[in-house]
Amino acid sequence: MNRLIEPGLPLRAGAKAGVCGVALAACFAAGAPLQAATARGAEAHVPRAIAPPDPAPSPQPVPWWLGFGDSTLNLLEQIARDRRQAQRAAGLETATSGTVPAVSDADPLIVQAYVQARVLSIRLATLRALDRACEQELALLRALPEGQAVPSSVEVLSERHKRLDAALPQLTQAAAQALRVIADQTGVAPSALEVLLAPSLADARLPRFYLGAPSRLPAHVVRARADVASLELAWVVGQRQRGHAGLDTAQPLRALDGWIDPASAATAPPATTQATPTPDIQALVAAVHDSKASVAQDLKRLQEHERAFGYLTKLIALRRTEWQTVRQRQQLGSASEAEVLERYQLMLIETDRLAVMAEEVADDWTTLNTHTAGLATVAADEAARQTIHAAP
């Protein structure tokens, strides 16, 4: 990911961005498939003697990327799914079952590439405006009589202009690469994709997930992971083969109790209560522990980036106020055009940093949902609605 062109203040303070996307929340309201997924997740860690032999297929949850509230992204994901379905029907892709899975490896690639393309479009517009303002201020300072221009200011502006000249082509190439990824994953011709994405790439709003970062997640969100699910299946098969004699059938499921909290993440796997735990139980408990630790890191990163986004949002508001103030002073004759241009550039630099952080947060949500098969959004949505209902 292309980073900021200039260093700024530390990104650790600030308030968490608020919950947005009220219209989208209807997709996650009571009775929706996500609620069914939540109910299944809540039952996941209830001890049972044995799983049912042939469970009926459960409804798929609402795709987590709907949380971005972006109809173009949803269309791209649907096109990719239709393409995979057609490939399987034509025998071009090996399938282990008769249905296309709800989530594939291509889904997060499309989300990340689409978010990156949108963010880079905003960044390019911001940095081009910054470059123009930098050139204007440099011209003003160089036109001053000898001795009036501050050498350090000219040096800073010259270095800024040099960095921008180097960064803009790199960002343009990165944007083109993001579009190639989308084209590869969806099969849409580049010319058609350019037309399809034109309105989205012209949108100056940053892509944002409709939920704020949760403080913690229920541990059972890791149960849908492929590694945990396969080991759970092996454990169930082993239970049947052994006849369950003398075994603690609740042992692996206890690992799914509790919460994933980055502030108090466990550093060692829990000890088994059996004197001689079977290998399948050991493997399942270890996999659950490792998965919880991984998700805890994902959640911690999301929380940090959400705080940074909130901090930068406040900082941009401050920079905008400073710019407007100096413009008013200029109208009264107490500030120069160079001062106005400098304040304007400082605001644009922070605007670029905010765009970078928006992409970080979006990537964090994508990673978190990929590592929990979308159940992180299910749990976070449920927690947010309970908080709203509990408010006086």
Protein backbone atom coordinates (compact mmCIF):
# COMPACT_ATOMS: atom_id res chain seq x y z
CA MET A 1 0.00 0.00 0.00
CA ASN A 2 1.25 3.44 -0.87
CA ARG A 3 1.87 5.46 2.27
CA LEU A 4 1.71 9.12 3.07
CA ILE A 5 3.92 11.56 1.28
CA GLU A 6 4.81 13.34 4.51
CA PRO A 7 5.10 12.24 8.14
CA GLY A 8 2.39 13.46 10.46
CA LEU A 9 1.27 13.27 14.04
CA PRO A 10 0.95 9.87 15.77
CA LEU A 11 -2.18 7.93 14.88
CA ARG A 12 -3.20 6.52 18.21
CA ALA A 13 -5.46 9.13 19.82
CA GLY A 14 -8.99 10.13 18.98
CA ALA A 15 -12.54 8.89 19.12
CA LYS A 16 -13.94 5.89 17.33
CA ALA A 17 -16.03 6.67 14.28
CA GLY A 18 -19.74 6.33 14.88
CA VAL A 19 -22.08 3.72 13.42
CA CYS A 20 -23.39 4.68 10.01
CA GLY A 21 -25.43 3.16 7.21
CA VAL A 22 -28.89 3.21 8.72
CA ALA A 23 -30.56 1.97 5.54
CA LEU A 24 -28.19 -0.96 5.30
CA ALA A 25 -28.95 -1.99 8.86
CA ALA A 26 -32.32 -3.24 7.63
CA CYS A 27 -30.46 -6.09 5.92
CA PHE A 28 -29.26 -7.20 9.34
CA ALA A 29 -32.52 -6.71 11.23
CA ALA A 30 -34.27 -9.42 13.23
CA GLY A 31 -35.47 -12.26 11.05
CA ALA A 32 -32.79 -11.80 8.40
CA PRO A 33 -30.42 -14.67 7.56
CA LEU A 34 -27.75 -13.08 9.72
CA GLN A 35 -29.96 -13.59 12.73
CA ALA A 36 -30.16 -17.26 11.89
CA ALA A 37 -26.39 -17.36 11.67
CA THR A 38 -26.13 -15.64 15.06
CA ALA A 39 -28.45 -18.16 16.62
CA ARG A 40 -26.44 -21.01 15.15
CA GLY A 41 -23.25 -19.40 16.46
CA ALA A 42 -24.72 -19.05 19.95
CA GLU A 43 -25.55 -22.76 19.93
CA ALA A 44 -22.12 -23.70 18.63
CA HIS A 45 -20.46 -23.91 22.05
CA VAL A 46 -23.30 -25.67 23.90
CA PRO A 47 -21.97 -29.13 24.91
CA ARG A 48 -23.56 -32.02 23.04
CA ALA A 49 -22.95 -35.73 23.25
CA ILE A 50 -22.73 -35.96 19.47
CA ALA A 51 -23.59 -33.94 16.38
CA PRO A 52 -26.61 -35.02 14.32
CA PRO A 53 -25.66 -37.53 11.62
CA ASP A 54 -27.02 -35.62 8.62
CA PRO A 55 -27.67 -31.97 9.47
CA ALA A 56 -29.91 -30.10 7.09
CA PRO A 57 -28.21 -27.31 5.14
CA SER A 58 -28.65 -23.96 6.91
CA PRO A 59 -29.39 -20.69 5.13
CA GLN A 60 -26.33 -18.68 4.14
CA PRO A 61 -25.79 -15.41 6.02
CA VAL A 62 -25.97 -12.09 4.25
CA PRO A 63 -22.59 -11.47 2.56
CA TRP A 64 -20.46 -9.33 4.85
CA TRP A 65 -19.36 -6.94 2.09
CA LEU A 66 -22.90 -5.55 2.00
CA GLY A 67 -21.69 -3.67 5.07
CA PHE A 68 -19.93 -1.21 2.78
CA GLY A 69 -23.30 -0.14 1.40
CA ASP A 70 -21.90 0.03 -2.14
CA SER A 71 -24.15 -1.23 -4.92
CA THR A 72 -21.29 -1.35 -7.44
CA LEU A 73 -19.23 -3.58 -5.14
CA ASN A 74 -22.23 -5.84 -4.64
CA LEU A 75 -22.69 -6.07 -8.41
CA LEU A 76 -19.04 -7.00 -8.94
CA GLU A 77 -19.30 -9.76 -6.33
CA GLN A 78 -22.46 -11.09 -7.97
CA ILE A 79 -20.81 -11.07 -11.40
CA ALA A 80 -17.87 -13.03 -9.97
CA ARG A 81 -20.20 -15.57 -8.37
CA ASP A 82 -22.21 -15.99 -11.56
CA ARG A 83 -18.98 -16.53 -13.45
CA ARG A 84 -17.82 -19.23 -11.02
CA GLN A 85 -21.21 -20.90 -11.27
CA ALA A 86 -20.98 -20.92 -15.06
CA GLN A 87 -17.45 -22.32 -14.94
CA ARG A 88 -18.55 -25.16 -12.71
CA ALA A 89 -21.56 -25.89 -14.86
CA ALA A 90 -19.21 -26.11 -17.85
CA GLY A 91 -16.81 -28.36 -15.96
CA LEU A 92 -14.03 -25.78 -16.04
CA GLU A 93 -13.58 -25.78 -12.29
CA THR A 94 -13.28 -28.71 -9.91
CA ALA A 95 -15.93 -28.59 -7.22
CA THR A 96 -16.23 -30.67 -4.09
CA SER A 97 -19.98 -30.16 -3.88
CA GLY A 98 -22.86 -29.35 -6.13
CA THR A 99 -23.16 -25.73 -5.01
CA VAL A 100 -20.97 -22.66 -5.23
CA PRO A 101 -19.77 -21.69 -1.75
CA ALA A 102 -21.13 -18.49 -0.23
CA VAL A 103 -17.63 -17.11 0.16
CA SER A 104 -14.59 -17.88 -2.00
CA ASP A 105 -11.01 -16.67 -2.04
CA ALA A 106 -11.98 -14.28 -4.84
CA ASP A 107 -14.50 -12.37 -2.71
CA PRO A 108 -12.00 -10.56 -0.43
CA LEU A 109 -9.72 -9.90 -3.43
CA ILE A 110 -12.53 -8.05 -5.17
CA VAL A 111 -13.39 -6.07 -2.04
CA GLN A 112 -9.78 -5.05 -1.45
CA ALA A 113 -9.13 -4.14 -5.08
CA TYR A 114 -12.38 -2.16 -5.37
CA VAL A 115 -11.76 -0.24 -2.14
CA GLN A 116 -8.20 0.47 -3.23
CA ALA A 117 -9.36 1.74 -6.63
CA ARG A 118 -11.85 4.10 -5.01
CA VAL A 119 -9.39 5.36 -2.40
CA LEU A 120 -6.65 5.88 -4.99
CA SER A 121 -9.06 7.87 -7.16
CA ILE A 122 -9.69 10.19 -4.19
CA ARG A 123 -6.00 10.36 -3.30
CA LEU A 124 -4.96 11.21 -6.84
CA ALA A 125 -7.44 14.09 -6.96
CA THR A 126 -6.26 15.30 -3.53
CA LEU A 127 -2.55 15.10 -4.33
CA ARG A 128 -2.96 16.77 -7.70
CA ALA A 129 -4.66 19.68 -5.96
CA LEU A 130 -1.84 19.67 -3.40
CA ASP A 131 0.75 19.70 -6.17
CA ARG A 132 -0.87 22.69 -7.87
CA ALA A 133 -1.04 24.63 -4.60
CA CYS A 134 2.59 23.77 -3.87
CA GLU A 135 3.68 25.07 -7.27
CA GLN A 136 1.69 28.27 -6.77
CA GLU A 137 3.23 28.97 -3.38
CA LEU A 138 6.71 28.21 -4.67
CA ALA A 139 6.19 30.65 -7.54
CA LEU A 140 5.03 33.35 -5.11
CA LEU A 141 8.02 32.88 -2.83
CA ARG A 142 10.52 32.82 -5.67
CA ALA A 143 9.03 36.03 -7.08
CA LEU A 144 9.71 37.92 -3.85
CA PRO A 145 12.66 40.31 -3.76
CA GLU A 146 15.91 38.71 -2.68
CA GLY A 147 16.07 38.23 1.05
CA GLN A 148 12.31 38.33 1.69
CA ALA A 149 11.58 34.66 1.00
CA VAL A 150 12.40 32.33 3.91
CA PRO A 151 14.92 29.76 2.56
CA SER A 152 13.58 26.98 4.78
CA SER A 153 10.05 27.45 3.40
CA VAL A 154 11.31 27.25 -0.17
CA GLU A 155 13.28 24.12 0.69
CA VAL A 156 10.25 22.43 2.32
CA LEU A 157 8.01 23.25 -0.64
CA SER A 158 10.60 22.07 -3.14
CA GLU A 159 10.93 18.74 -1.32
CA ARG A 160 7.15 18.42 -1.14
CA HIS A 161 6.83 19.07 -4.87
CA LYS A 162 9.56 16.50 -5.58
CA ARG A 163 7.78 13.84 -3.51
CA LEU A 164 4.49 14.54 -5.22
CA ASP A 165 6.04 14.23 -8.66
CA ALA A 166 7.35 10.80 -7.64
CA ALA A 167 4.17 9.66 -5.87
CA LEU A 168 1.55 10.54 -8.49
CA PRO A 169 2.80 8.11 -11.19
CA GLN A 170 3.11 5.34 -8.59
CA LEU A 171 -0.45 5.86 -7.40
CA THR A 172 -1.69 5.91 -11.00
CA GLN A 173 -0.01 2.56 -11.63
CA ALA A 174 -1.45 1.12 -8.41
CA ALA A 175 -4.94 2.23 -9.45
CA ALA A 176 -4.52 0.52 -12.83
CA GLN A 177 -3.35 -2.66 -11.10
CA ALA A 178 -6.41 -2.64 -8.82
CA LEU A 179 -8.67 -2.46 -11.88
CA ARG A 180 -6.79 -5.37 -13.48
CA VAL A 181 -7.42 -7.47 -10.37
CA ILE A 182 -11.14 -6.71 -10.56
CA ALA A 183 -11.20 -7.55 -14.28
CA ASP A 184 -9.37 -10.85 -13.66
CA GLN A 185 -11.71 -11.89 -10.86
CA THR A 186 -14.96 -10.91 -12.57
CA GLY A 187 -14.14 -11.56 -16.22
CA VAL A 188 -15.45 -8.12 -17.19
CA ALA A 189 -13.64 -6.57 -20.14
CA PRO A 190 -11.47 -3.57 -19.14
CA SER A 191 -13.44 -1.18 -21.36
CA ALA A 192 -16.75 -2.31 -19.86
CA LEU A 193 -15.28 -2.19 -16.35
CA GLU A 194 -14.15 1.39 -16.91
CA VAL A 195 -17.73 2.39 -17.75
CA LEU A 196 -19.17 0.39 -14.85
CA LEU A 197 -16.81 1.92 -12.27
CA ALA A 198 -16.84 5.51 -13.57
CA PRO A 199 -19.54 6.77 -11.14
CA SER A 200 -17.86 5.07 -8.16
CA LEU A 201 -14.41 6.40 -9.01
CA ALA A 202 -15.87 9.90 -9.32
CA ASP A 203 -17.42 9.65 -5.84
CA ALA A 204 -15.46 11.79 -3.36
CA ARG A 205 -16.83 9.91 -0.33
CA LEU A 206 -14.43 7.48 1.33
CA PRO A 207 -15.55 3.82 1.48
CA ARG A 208 -16.67 3.01 5.02
CA PHE A 209 -18.07 -0.08 6.72
CA TYR A 210 -21.39 0.62 8.40
CA LEU A 211 -20.22 -0.65 11.81
CA GLY A 212 -17.67 0.75 14.21
CA ALA A 213 -14.96 -1.55 15.54
CA PRO A 214 -16.38 -3.85 18.25
CA SER A 215 -14.57 -3.97 21.57
CA ARG A 216 -14.69 -7.78 21.58
CA LEU A 217 -16.22 -10.71 19.72
CA PRO A 218 -17.78 -13.96 20.95
CA ALA A 219 -15.30 -16.80 20.67
CA HIS A 220 -17.64 -18.95 18.60
CA VAL A 221 -17.07 -16.75 15.52
CA VAL A 222 -14.02 -18.93 14.72
CA ARG A 223 -16.14 -22.06 14.37
CA ALA A 224 -16.93 -21.31 10.74
CA ARG A 225 -13.25 -21.21 9.76
CA ALA A 226 -12.28 -24.01 7.38
CA ASP A 227 -9.45 -25.29 9.61
CA VAL A 228 -11.62 -25.39 12.73
CA ALA A 229 -14.61 -26.87 10.88
CA SER A 230 -12.53 -29.69 9.35
CA LEU A 231 -11.00 -30.60 12.71
CA GLU A 232 -14.42 -30.49 14.38
CA LEU A 233 -15.67 -32.92 11.74
CA ALA A 234 -12.70 -35.20 12.42
CA TRP A 235 -13.49 -35.05 16.14
CA VAL A 236 -17.15 -35.98 15.54
CA VAL A 237 -16.10 -38.91 13.35
CA GLY A 238 -13.66 -40.04 16.00
CA GLN A 239 -16.36 -39.82 18.65
CA ARG A 240 -18.57 -42.11 16.64
CA GLN A 241 -15.81 -44.61 16.00
CA ARG A 242 -14.84 -44.74 19.66
CA GLY A 243 -18.40 -44.97 20.92
CA HIS A 244 -17.74 -42.01 23.28
CA ALA A 245 -16.78 -44.36 26.12
CA GLY A 246 -15.06 -42.41 28.89
CA LEU A 247 -14.53 -39.32 26.77
CA ASP A 248 -15.24 -35.73 27.67
CA THR A 249 -17.40 -34.81 24.67
CA ALA A 250 -17.75 -31.21 25.80
CA GLN A 251 -14.00 -30.54 25.95
CA PRO A 252 -13.46 -29.06 22.47
CA LEU A 253 -16.65 -27.05 22.63
CA ARG A 254 -15.54 -25.36 25.86
CA ALA A 255 -12.79 -23.70 23.84
CA LEU A 256 -15.54 -21.82 22.01
CA ASP A 257 -16.87 -20.27 25.21
CA GLY A 258 -16.15 -16.71 26.25
CA TRP A 259 -14.90 -13.76 24.25
CA ILE A 260 -12.12 -12.72 21.93
CA ASP A 261 -10.80 -9.56 23.55
CA PRO A 262 -7.54 -8.04 22.26
CA ALA A 263 -6.99 -6.38 25.65
CA SER A 264 -6.83 -9.76 27.43
CA ALA A 265 -5.91 -12.27 24.75
CA ALA A 266 -4.66 -15.63 26.03
CA THR A 267 -1.03 -16.46 25.28
CA ALA A 268 -1.16 -20.22 25.84
CA PRO A 269 -3.67 -22.85 24.74
CA PRO A 270 -6.05 -24.06 27.46
CA ALA A 271 -5.19 -27.32 29.14
CA THR A 272 -7.44 -30.27 28.39
CA THR A 273 -9.37 -31.76 31.29
CA GLN A 274 -8.95 -35.34 30.13
CA ALA A 275 -6.10 -37.38 31.54
CA THR A 276 -5.28 -38.76 28.08
CA PRO A 277 -6.95 -36.52 25.49
CA THR A 278 -7.27 -38.03 22.04
CA PRO A 279 -5.28 -36.47 19.19
CA ASP A 280 -8.39 -35.13 17.46
CA ILE A 281 -9.47 -33.30 20.62
CA GLN A 282 -5.96 -31.89 21.11
CA ALA A 283 -5.84 -30.72 17.49
CA LEU A 284 -9.28 -29.10 17.66
CA VAL A 285 -8.60 -27.27 20.93
CA ALA A 286 -5.23 -26.03 19.60
CA ALA A 287 -6.81 -24.88 16.32
CA VAL A 288 -9.53 -22.97 18.17
CA HIS A 289 -6.93 -21.30 20.39
CA ASP A 290 -4.75 -20.31 17.41
CA SER A 291 -7.78 -19.02 15.52
CA LYS A 292 -8.90 -16.93 18.49
CA ALA A 293 -5.41 -15.45 18.81
CA SER A 294 -5.37 -14.61 15.10
CA VAL A 295 -8.79 -12.97 15.24
CA ALA A 296 -7.75 -11.05 18.36
CA GLN A 297 -4.86 -9.55 16.38
CA ASP A 298 -7.22 -8.70 13.51
CA LEU A 299 -9.60 -7.00 15.91
CA LYS A 300 -6.80 -5.09 17.66
CA ARG A 301 -5.57 -3.74 14.33
CA LEU A 302 -9.10 -2.69 13.36
CA GLN A 303 -9.60 -0.89 16.68
CA GLU A 304 -6.30 1.00 16.32
CA HIS A 305 -7.08 2.09 12.76
CA GLU A 306 -10.61 3.16 13.71
CA ARG A 307 -9.18 5.36 16.45
CA ALA A 308 -6.68 6.81 13.97
CA PHE A 309 -9.50 7.50 11.50
CA GLY A 310 -11.45 9.35 14.18
CA TYR A 311 -8.37 11.35 15.15
CA LEU A 312 -7.66 12.35 11.54
CA THR A 313 -11.27 13.33 10.99
CA LYS A 314 -11.00 15.80 13.88
CA LEU A 315 -7.61 17.00 12.67
CA ILE A 316 -8.96 17.77 9.19
CA ALA A 317 -11.78 19.80 10.73
CA LEU A 318 -9.14 21.81 12.61
CA ARG A 319 -7.05 22.31 9.46
CA ARG A 320 -10.13 23.45 7.55
CA THR A 321 -10.93 26.00 10.25
CA GLU A 322 -7.35 27.31 10.14
CA TRP A 323 -7.51 27.63 6.35
CA GLN A 324 -10.84 29.47 6.45
CA THR A 325 -9.51 31.79 9.17
CA VAL A 326 -6.43 32.77 7.18
CA ARG A 327 -8.60 33.35 4.09
CA GLN A 328 -10.68 35.80 6.10
CA ARG A 329 -7.49 37.49 7.28
CA GLN A 330 -6.33 37.75 3.68
CA GLN A 331 -9.54 39.55 2.77
CA LEU A 332 -8.79 42.03 5.56
CA GLY A 333 -5.24 42.48 4.31
CA SER A 334 -3.52 40.83 7.28
CA ALA A 335 -2.46 37.57 5.56
CA SER A 336 -0.69 36.82 2.29
CA GLU A 337 -1.74 34.50 -0.52
CA ALA A 338 1.24 32.30 0.30
CA GLU A 339 -0.10 31.81 3.85
CA VAL A 340 -3.52 30.81 2.45
CA LEU A 341 -1.88 28.31 0.09
CA GLU A 342 0.21 26.82 2.90
CA ARG A 343 -2.83 26.28 5.16
CA TYR A 344 -4.69 24.77 2.22
CA GLN A 345 -1.85 22.32 1.61
CA LEU A 346 -1.76 21.27 5.27
CA MET A 347 -5.47 20.45 5.04
CA LEU A 348 -4.92 18.40 1.86
CA ILE A 349 -2.03 16.46 3.43
CA GLU A 350 -4.28 15.37 6.30
CA THR A 351 -7.06 14.58 3.81
CA ASP A 352 -4.69 12.21 2.04
CA ARG A 353 -3.75 10.57 5.34
CA LEU A 354 -7.44 10.08 6.10
CA ALA A 355 -7.95 8.35 2.75
CA VAL A 356 -5.05 6.00 3.50
CA MET A 357 -6.56 5.21 6.89
CA ALA A 358 -9.99 4.57 5.35
CA GLU A 359 -8.40 1.90 3.17
CA GLU A 360 -6.66 0.41 6.21
CA VAL A 361 -9.95 0.15 8.10
CA ALA A 362 -11.70 -1.40 5.09
CA ASP A 363 -8.89 -3.93 4.73
CA ASP A 364 -9.15 -4.72 8.45
CA TRP A 365 -12.86 -5.47 8.11
CA THR A 366 -12.15 -7.63 5.06
CA THR A 367 -9.46 -9.59 6.92
CA LEU A 368 -11.57 -9.99 10.03
CA ASN A 369 -14.55 -11.28 8.06
CA THR A 370 -12.38 -13.54 5.92
CA HIS A 371 -10.92 -15.11 9.06
CA THR A 372 -14.37 -15.68 10.59
CA ALA A 373 -16.37 -16.52 7.43
CA GLY A 374 -18.40 -13.34 7.94
CA LEU A 375 -19.46 -14.09 11.52
CA ALA A 376 -17.53 -11.08 12.85
CA THR A 377 -20.05 -8.78 11.16
CA VAL A 378 -22.92 -10.91 12.47
CA ALA A 379 -21.67 -10.57 16.06
CA ALA A 380 -20.72 -6.90 15.77
CA ASP A 381 -24.09 -6.04 14.26
CA GLU A 382 -25.91 -7.88 17.04
CA ALA A 383 -23.84 -6.09 19.71
CA ALA A 384 -24.49 -2.69 18.10
CA ARG A 385 -28.24 -3.26 17.98
CA GLN A 386 -28.29 -4.44 21.60
CA THR A 387 -26.41 -1.28 22.60
CA ILE A 388 -28.94 0.89 20.75
CA HIS A 389 -31.89 -0.94 22.34
CA ALA A 390 -30.33 -0.66 25.81
CA ALA A 391 -29.80 3.09 25.49
CA PRO A 392 -32.25 5.16 27.60
